[in-house]
Amino acid sequence: MEDKIPYPERFQDVSDNIYEAVMIVAKRARKIAANQKIEIERNMNVVEPEEETDEESEVSKVYLSFKKPTIIAISELEKQELEYNYKGKSSS
């Protein structure tokens, strides 16, 4: 990790309410994880259970190369790349 500053203090620059920031990050992380799952499934072919092919090994390597969704979401929030809306309001 590039910074040793604890996450609560890092969120203070982004949002006045830490709980709000955590919820925004959590929702974004879930979306990122879902997209990563779709990408893995798209690259994976159905193979006999007894056989492990080179293609499955490649898919495993791709999966392991993904950054954790929470880390990506936190980074996006800190860089102010996320937009979020309240019901009836819009904010960024």
N, C-alpha and C. Protein backbone atom coordinates (compact mmCIF):
# COMPACT_ATOMS: atom_id res chain seq x y z
N MET A 1 0.85 -1.17 0.00
CA MET A 1 0.00 0.00 0.00
C MET A 1 0.89 1.23 0.00
N GLU A 2 0.50 2.22 -0.77
CA GLU A 2 1.35 3.41 -0.91
C GLU A 2 1.28 4.35 0.26
N ASP A 3 0.21 4.31 1.04
CA ASP A 3 0.05 5.22 2.17
C ASP A 3 -0.12 4.45 3.46
N LYS A 4 0.43 4.98 4.54
CA LYS A 4 0.27 4.36 5.85
C LYS A 4 -0.79 5.07 6.68
N ILE A 5 -1.46 6.05 6.09
CA ILE A 5 -2.50 6.79 6.81
C ILE A 5 -3.72 5.89 6.95
N PRO A 6 -4.25 5.72 8.16
CA PRO A 6 -5.43 4.87 8.34
C PRO A 6 -6.60 5.39 7.51
N TYR A 7 -7.45 4.47 7.07
CA TYR A 7 -8.56 4.85 6.19
C TYR A 7 -9.49 5.90 6.77
N PRO A 8 -9.86 5.84 8.04
CA PRO A 8 -10.78 6.89 8.53
C PRO A 8 -10.24 8.30 8.32
N GLU A 9 -8.97 8.51 8.55
CA GLU A 9 -8.39 9.84 8.35
C GLU A 9 -8.32 10.19 6.87
N ARG A 10 -8.12 9.19 6.02
CA ARG A 10 -8.06 9.45 4.58
C ARG A 10 -9.43 9.86 4.04
N PHE A 11 -10.50 9.37 4.65
CA PHE A 11 -11.84 9.68 4.19
C PHE A 11 -12.29 11.07 4.61
N GLN A 12 -11.65 11.67 5.60
CA GLN A 12 -12.08 12.98 6.08
C GLN A 12 -11.97 14.05 5.01
N ASP A 13 -11.01 13.92 4.11
CA ASP A 13 -10.87 14.90 3.03
C ASP A 13 -11.97 14.75 1.99
N VAL A 14 -12.55 13.57 1.90
CA VAL A 14 -13.53 13.27 0.87
C VAL A 14 -14.96 13.55 1.32
N SER A 15 -15.24 13.21 2.58
CA SER A 15 -16.61 13.32 3.07
C SER A 15 -16.60 13.76 4.53
N ASP A 16 -17.62 14.51 4.92
CA ASP A 16 -17.75 14.92 6.31
C ASP A 16 -18.19 13.76 7.20
N ASN A 17 -18.85 12.80 6.60
CA ASN A 17 -19.40 11.68 7.34
C ASN A 17 -18.68 10.40 6.93
N ILE A 18 -17.92 9.81 7.84
CA ILE A 18 -17.14 8.62 7.53
C ILE A 18 -18.04 7.44 7.16
N TYR A 19 -19.19 7.33 7.79
CA TYR A 19 -20.11 6.24 7.49
C TYR A 19 -20.64 6.34 6.07
N GLU A 20 -20.87 7.55 5.63
CA GLU A 20 -21.29 7.78 4.25
C GLU A 20 -20.20 7.33 3.29
N ALA A 21 -18.96 7.68 3.58
CA ALA A 21 -17.84 7.30 2.72
C ALA A 21 -17.67 5.79 2.68
N VAL A 22 -17.84 5.14 3.82
CA VAL A 22 -17.71 3.68 3.87
C VAL A 22 -18.80 3.02 3.03
N MET A 23 -20.01 3.52 3.10
CA MET A 23 -21.11 2.95 2.32
C MET A 23 -20.88 3.14 0.82
N ILE A 24 -20.38 4.30 0.44
CA ILE A 24 -20.09 4.56 -0.96
C ILE A 24 -19.02 3.58 -1.46
N VAL A 25 -17.96 3.41 -0.68
CA VAL A 25 -16.88 2.49 -1.05
C VAL A 25 -17.40 1.06 -1.12
N ALA A 26 -18.22 0.66 -0.17
CA ALA A 26 -18.74 -0.71 -0.14
C ALA A 26 -19.60 -1.01 -1.37
N LYS A 27 -20.47 -0.08 -1.73
CA LYS A 27 -21.32 -0.29 -2.90
C LYS A 27 -20.49 -0.35 -4.18
N ARG A 28 -19.50 0.52 -4.29
CA ARG A 28 -18.64 0.51 -5.48
C ARG A 28 -17.82 -0.78 -5.53
N ALA A 29 -17.31 -1.23 -4.39
CA ALA A 29 -16.52 -2.47 -4.35
C ALA A 29 -17.35 -3.66 -4.80
N ARG A 30 -18.62 -3.70 -4.41
CA ARG A 30 -19.50 -4.79 -4.85
C ARG A 30 -19.67 -4.78 -6.37
N LYS A 31 -19.80 -3.60 -6.96
CA LYS A 31 -19.93 -3.50 -8.41
C LYS A 31 -18.64 -3.96 -9.10
N ILE A 32 -17.50 -3.55 -8.57
CA ILE A 32 -16.22 -3.95 -9.14
C ILE A 32 -16.06 -5.46 -9.07
N ALA A 33 -16.40 -6.06 -7.93
CA ALA A 33 -16.29 -7.51 -7.76
C ALA A 33 -17.20 -8.24 -8.74
N ALA A 34 -18.39 -7.73 -8.94
CA ALA A 34 -19.32 -8.36 -9.88
C ALA A 34 -18.76 -8.28 -11.30
N ASN A 35 -18.19 -7.15 -11.67
CA ASN A 35 -17.59 -7.01 -13.00
C ASN A 35 -16.40 -7.95 -13.18
N GLN A 36 -15.58 -8.10 -12.14
CA GLN A 36 -14.45 -9.02 -12.21
C GLN A 36 -14.94 -10.45 -12.38
N LYS A 37 -16.00 -10.82 -11.67
CA LYS A 37 -16.56 -12.17 -11.78
C LYS A 37 -17.06 -12.43 -13.20
N ILE A 38 -17.73 -11.46 -13.78
CA ILE A 38 -18.23 -11.59 -15.15
C ILE A 38 -17.06 -11.78 -16.11
N GLU A 39 -16.02 -11.01 -15.92
CA GLU A 39 -14.84 -11.12 -16.80
C GLU A 39 -14.19 -12.49 -16.70
N ILE A 40 -14.09 -13.02 -15.50
CA ILE A 40 -13.50 -14.34 -15.31
C ILE A 40 -14.38 -15.41 -15.96
N GLU A 41 -15.68 -15.33 -15.75
CA GLU A 41 -16.59 -16.31 -16.34
C GLU A 41 -16.58 -16.24 -17.86
N ARG A 42 -16.41 -15.05 -18.40
CA ARG A 42 -16.36 -14.88 -19.85
C ARG A 42 -15.11 -15.56 -20.42
N ASN A 43 -14.01 -15.53 -19.66
CA ASN A 43 -12.76 -16.12 -20.13
C ASN A 43 -12.65 -17.61 -19.86
N MET A 44 -13.56 -18.13 -19.08
CA MET A 44 -13.49 -19.53 -18.69
C MET A 44 -14.43 -20.38 -19.54
N ASN A 45 -13.94 -21.49 -20.03
CA ASN A 45 -14.78 -22.43 -20.77
C ASN A 45 -15.12 -23.58 -19.86
N VAL A 46 -16.23 -24.24 -20.15
CA VAL A 46 -16.62 -25.40 -19.37
C VAL A 46 -15.70 -26.56 -19.74
N VAL A 47 -15.06 -27.16 -18.72
CA VAL A 47 -14.10 -28.22 -18.92
C VAL A 47 -14.48 -29.39 -18.03
N GLU A 48 -14.09 -30.59 -18.44
CA GLU A 48 -14.32 -31.76 -17.61
C GLU A 48 -13.70 -31.56 -16.24
N PRO A 49 -14.39 -31.96 -15.17
CA PRO A 49 -13.87 -31.73 -13.82
C PRO A 49 -12.51 -32.37 -13.55
N GLU A 50 -12.22 -33.51 -14.18
CA GLU A 50 -10.95 -34.19 -13.92
C GLU A 50 -9.78 -33.49 -14.58
N GLU A 51 -10.07 -32.76 -15.64
CA GLU A 51 -9.00 -32.14 -16.42
C GLU A 51 -8.72 -30.72 -15.95
N GLU A 52 -7.45 -30.40 -15.81
CA GLU A 52 -7.08 -29.00 -15.60
C GLU A 52 -6.23 -28.61 -16.79
N THR A 53 -6.69 -27.64 -17.50
CA THR A 53 -6.01 -27.26 -18.72
C THR A 53 -5.15 -26.03 -18.49
N ASP A 54 -4.35 -25.72 -19.48
CA ASP A 54 -3.54 -24.52 -19.43
C ASP A 54 -4.42 -23.28 -19.39
N GLU A 55 -5.58 -23.37 -20.04
CA GLU A 55 -6.49 -22.23 -20.06
C GLU A 55 -7.01 -21.92 -18.65
N GLU A 56 -7.31 -22.96 -17.88
CA GLU A 56 -7.74 -22.74 -16.50
C GLU A 56 -6.63 -22.11 -15.68
N SER A 57 -5.41 -22.52 -15.95
CA SER A 57 -4.26 -21.92 -15.25
C SER A 57 -4.14 -20.45 -15.59
N GLU A 58 -4.37 -20.11 -16.85
CA GLU A 58 -4.31 -18.71 -17.27
C GLU A 58 -5.40 -17.90 -16.60
N VAL A 59 -6.61 -18.47 -16.50
CA VAL A 59 -7.71 -17.77 -15.84
C VAL A 59 -7.36 -17.54 -14.38
N SER A 60 -6.75 -18.53 -13.75
CA SER A 60 -6.33 -18.37 -12.35
C SER A 60 -5.32 -17.25 -12.21
N LYS A 61 -4.39 -17.16 -13.15
CA LYS A 61 -3.39 -16.09 -13.09
C LYS A 61 -4.04 -14.73 -13.27
N VAL A 62 -5.01 -14.64 -14.17
CA VAL A 62 -5.72 -13.38 -14.38
C VAL A 62 -6.46 -12.99 -13.11
N TYR A 63 -7.14 -13.95 -12.50
CA TYR A 63 -7.87 -13.69 -11.26
C TYR A 63 -6.92 -13.18 -10.17
N LEU A 64 -5.78 -13.81 -10.03
CA LEU A 64 -4.83 -13.41 -9.00
C LEU A 64 -4.22 -12.05 -9.28
N SER A 65 -4.22 -11.62 -10.54
CA SER A 65 -3.64 -10.32 -10.88
C SER A 65 -4.58 -9.15 -10.59
N PHE A 66 -5.88 -9.45 -10.37
CA PHE A 66 -6.82 -8.38 -10.06
C PHE A 66 -6.49 -7.77 -8.70
N LYS A 67 -6.62 -6.45 -8.63
CA LYS A 67 -6.52 -5.79 -7.32
C LYS A 67 -7.82 -6.07 -6.57
N LYS A 68 -7.76 -5.96 -5.27
CA LYS A 68 -8.96 -6.18 -4.47
C LYS A 68 -9.96 -5.06 -4.75
N PRO A 69 -11.23 -5.41 -4.90
CA PRO A 69 -12.25 -4.41 -5.22
C PRO A 69 -12.32 -3.26 -4.22
N THR A 70 -12.12 -3.55 -2.95
CA THR A 70 -12.19 -2.49 -1.93
C THR A 70 -11.06 -1.48 -2.12
N ILE A 71 -9.87 -1.96 -2.44
CA ILE A 71 -8.73 -1.06 -2.65
C ILE A 71 -8.99 -0.17 -3.86
N ILE A 72 -9.54 -0.74 -4.92
CA ILE A 72 -9.86 0.05 -6.12
C ILE A 72 -10.91 1.11 -5.78
N ALA A 73 -11.94 0.73 -5.05
CA ALA A 73 -13.01 1.67 -4.70
C ALA A 73 -12.50 2.80 -3.81
N ILE A 74 -11.65 2.48 -2.86
CA ILE A 74 -11.08 3.51 -1.99
C ILE A 74 -10.25 4.49 -2.81
N SER A 75 -9.46 3.95 -3.70
CA SER A 75 -8.63 4.80 -4.55
C SER A 75 -9.49 5.73 -5.41
N GLU A 76 -10.56 5.19 -5.98
CA GLU A 76 -11.47 6.01 -6.79
C GLU A 76 -12.11 7.11 -5.96
N LEU A 77 -12.49 6.80 -4.73
CA LEU A 77 -13.10 7.80 -3.87
C LEU A 77 -12.10 8.90 -3.52
N GLU A 78 -10.89 8.51 -3.19
CA GLU A 78 -9.86 9.50 -2.83
C GLU A 78 -9.51 10.42 -4.01
N LYS A 79 -9.53 9.87 -5.21
CA LYS A 79 -9.24 10.67 -6.40
C LYS A 79 -10.46 11.42 -6.90
N GLN A 80 -11.55 11.27 -6.17
CA GLN A 80 -12.84 11.90 -6.50
C GLN A 80 -13.31 11.51 -7.90
N GLU A 81 -13.12 10.22 -8.23
CA GLU A 81 -13.59 9.69 -9.50
C GLU A 81 -14.99 9.09 -9.39
N LEU A 82 -15.51 9.00 -8.17
CA LEU A 82 -16.84 8.43 -7.95
C LEU A 82 -17.87 9.54 -7.87
N GLU A 83 -19.01 9.29 -8.46
CA GLU A 83 -20.15 10.18 -8.30
C GLU A 83 -21.22 9.41 -7.58
N TYR A 84 -21.87 10.05 -6.64
CA TYR A 84 -22.92 9.39 -5.89
C TYR A 84 -24.09 10.33 -5.74
N ASN A 85 -25.26 9.75 -5.64
CA ASN A 85 -26.49 10.52 -5.55
C ASN A 85 -27.31 10.07 -4.36
N TYR A 86 -28.02 11.01 -3.78
CA TYR A 86 -29.01 10.72 -2.76
C TYR A 86 -30.36 10.73 -3.45
N LYS A 87 -31.31 10.08 -2.86
CA LYS A 87 -32.65 10.14 -3.42
C LYS A 87 -33.13 11.58 -3.36
N GLY A 88 -33.46 12.13 -4.53
CA GLY A 88 -33.94 13.50 -4.58
C GLY A 88 -32.85 14.55 -4.66
N LYS A 89 -31.57 14.18 -4.45
CA LYS A 89 -30.46 15.12 -4.53
C LYS A 89 -29.39 14.54 -5.44
N SER A 90 -28.48 15.39 -5.90
CA SER A 90 -27.30 14.89 -6.59
C SER A 90 -26.07 15.52 -5.97
N SER A 91 -25.02 14.73 -5.88
CA SER A 91 -23.78 15.18 -5.27
C SER A 91 -22.63 14.48 -5.94
N SER A 92 -21.42 15.00 -5.79
CA SER A 92 -20.26 14.32 -6.36
C SER A 92 -19.11 14.31 -5.42
